[in-house]
C-alpha atoms as a PDB file:
ATOM      1  CA  MET A   1     -64.214 -41.671 -64.271  1.00  0.00           C
ATOM      2  CA  LEU A   2     -61.937 -44.309 -65.772  1.00  0.00           C
ATOM      3  CA  ARG A   3     -61.995 -46.221 -62.486  1.00  0.00           C
ATOM      4  CA  LYS A   4     -65.809 -46.332 -62.530  1.00  0.00           C
ATOM      5  CA  LEU A   5     -65.805 -47.550 -66.120  1.00  0.00           C
ATOM      6  CA  THR A   6     -63.283 -50.283 -65.298  1.00  0.00           C
ATOM      7  CA  ARG A   7     -65.348 -51.398 -62.297  1.00  0.00           C
ATOM      8  CA  PHE A   8     -68.512 -51.469 -64.433  1.00  0.00           C
ATOM      9  CA  ILE A   9     -66.831 -53.619 -67.094  1.00  0.00           C
ATOM     10  CA  LYS A  10     -65.464 -56.077 -64.499  1.00  0.00           C
ATOM     11  CA  GLU A  11     -68.757 -56.308 -62.625  1.00  0.00           C
ATOM     12  CA  GLU A  12     -70.595 -59.499 -63.585  1.00  0.00           C
ATOM     13  CA  GLU A  13     -73.943 -58.689 -61.996  1.00  0.00           C
ATOM     14  CA  GLY A  14     -74.675 -56.112 -64.675  1.00  0.00           C
ATOM     15  CA  VAL A  15     -73.775 -58.564 -67.412  1.00  0.00           C
ATOM     16  CA  THR A  16     -76.087 -61.199 -65.935  1.00  0.00           C
ATOM     17  CA  MET A  17     -78.928 -58.694 -65.769  1.00  0.00           C
ATOM     18  CA  VAL A  18     -78.421 -57.797 -69.421  1.00  0.00           C
ATOM     19  CA  GLU A  19     -78.419 -61.486 -70.376  1.00  0.00           C
ATOM     20  CA  TYR A  20     -81.686 -62.058 -68.514  1.00  0.00           C
ATOM     21  CA  ALA A  21     -83.213 -59.005 -70.186  1.00  0.00           C
ATOM     22  CA  LEU A  22     -82.218 -60.315 -73.622  1.00  0.00           C
ATOM     23  CA  ILE A  23     -83.654 -63.762 -72.863  1.00  0.00           C
ATOM     24  CA  LEU A  24     -86.891 -62.191 -71.617  1.00  0.00           C
ATOM     25  CA  ALA A  25     -87.153 -60.064 -74.756  1.00  0.00           C
ATOM     26  CA  LEU A  26     -86.606 -63.119 -76.961  1.00  0.00           C
ATOM     27  CA  VAL A  27     -89.267 -65.117 -75.100  1.00  0.00           C
ATOM     28  CA  ALA A  28     -91.696 -62.199 -75.423  1.00  0.00           C
ATOM     29  CA  ILE A  29     -91.082 -61.931 -79.171  1.00  0.00           C
ATOM     30  CA  VAL A  30     -91.655 -65.672 -79.638  1.00  0.00           C
ATOM     31  CA  ALA A  31     -94.819 -65.584 -77.506  1.00  0.00           C
ATOM     32  CA  ILE A  32     -96.251 -62.638 -79.446  1.00  0.00           C
ATOM     33  CA  GLY A  33     -95.445 -64.369 -82.724  1.00  0.00           C
ATOM     34  CA  ALA A  34     -97.122 -67.579 -81.592  1.00  0.00           C
ATOM     35  CA  TRP A  35    -100.176 -65.698 -80.322  1.00  0.00           C
ATOM     36  CA  THR A  36    -100.492 -63.824 -83.618  1.00  0.00           C
ATOM     37  CA  THR A  37    -100.069 -66.968 -85.696  1.00  0.00           C
ATOM     38  CA  LEU A  38    -102.231 -69.348 -83.676  1.00  0.00           C
ATOM     39  CA  GLY A  39    -104.745 -66.941 -82.143  1.00  0.00           C
ATOM     40  CA  GLU A  40    -107.488 -67.197 -84.765  1.00  0.00           C
ATOM     41  CA  SER A  41    -107.180 -70.977 -85.022  1.00  0.00           C
ATOM     42  CA  ILE A  42    -107.495 -71.404 -81.264  1.00  0.00           C
ATOM     43  CA  LYS A  43    -110.418 -68.974 -81.155  1.00  0.00           C
ATOM     44  CA  ALA A  44    -112.289 -70.938 -83.839  1.00  0.00           C
ATOM     45  CA  LYS A  45    -111.748 -74.243 -82.020  1.00  0.00           C
ATOM     46  CA  LEU A  46    -112.933 -72.771 -78.710  1.00  0.00           C
ATOM     47  CA  MET A  47    -116.052 -71.367 -80.384  1.00  0.00           C
ATOM     48  CA  THR A  48    -116.791 -74.799 -81.872  1.00  0.00           C
ATOM     49  CA  ALA A  49    -116.311 -76.484 -78.506  1.00  0.00           C
ATOM     50  CA  GLY A  50    -118.496 -73.867 -76.810  1.00  0.00           C
ATOM     51  CA  GLY A  51    -121.250 -74.451 -79.351  1.00  0.00           C
ATOM     52  CA  ALA A  52    -121.078 -78.204 -78.764  1.00  0.00           C
ATOM     53  CA  VAL A  53    -121.324 -77.740 -74.995  1.00  0.00           C
ATOM     54  CA  GLU A  54    -124.234 -75.352 -75.416  1.00  0.00           C
ATOM     55  CA  ALA A  55    -126.046 -77.783 -77.724  1.00  0.00           C
ATOM     56  CA  ALA A  56    -125.469 -80.669 -75.316  1.00  0.00           C
ATOM     57  CA  GLY A  57    -126.802 -78.583 -72.428  1.00  0.00           C
ATOM     58  CA  SER A  58    -130.022 -77.745 -74.276  1.00  0.00           C
ATOM     59  CA  GLY A  59    -130.663 -81.381 -75.180  1.00  0.00           C
ATOM     60  CA  GLY A  60    -129.816 -80.969 -78.843  1.00  0.00           C
END
């Protein structure tokens, strides 16, 4: 059992995987925060742009 634990601690592949998982989690948290903060603003601007395109298409 101790030998397996020592091998696990020395193994770098597991450490790299944990680092990538932490980076991915951090990126996901930042993306969710940005989406929550900017979502309504972006939605309003897209609705305005869509209305302008619709008005231009109908000749108004």
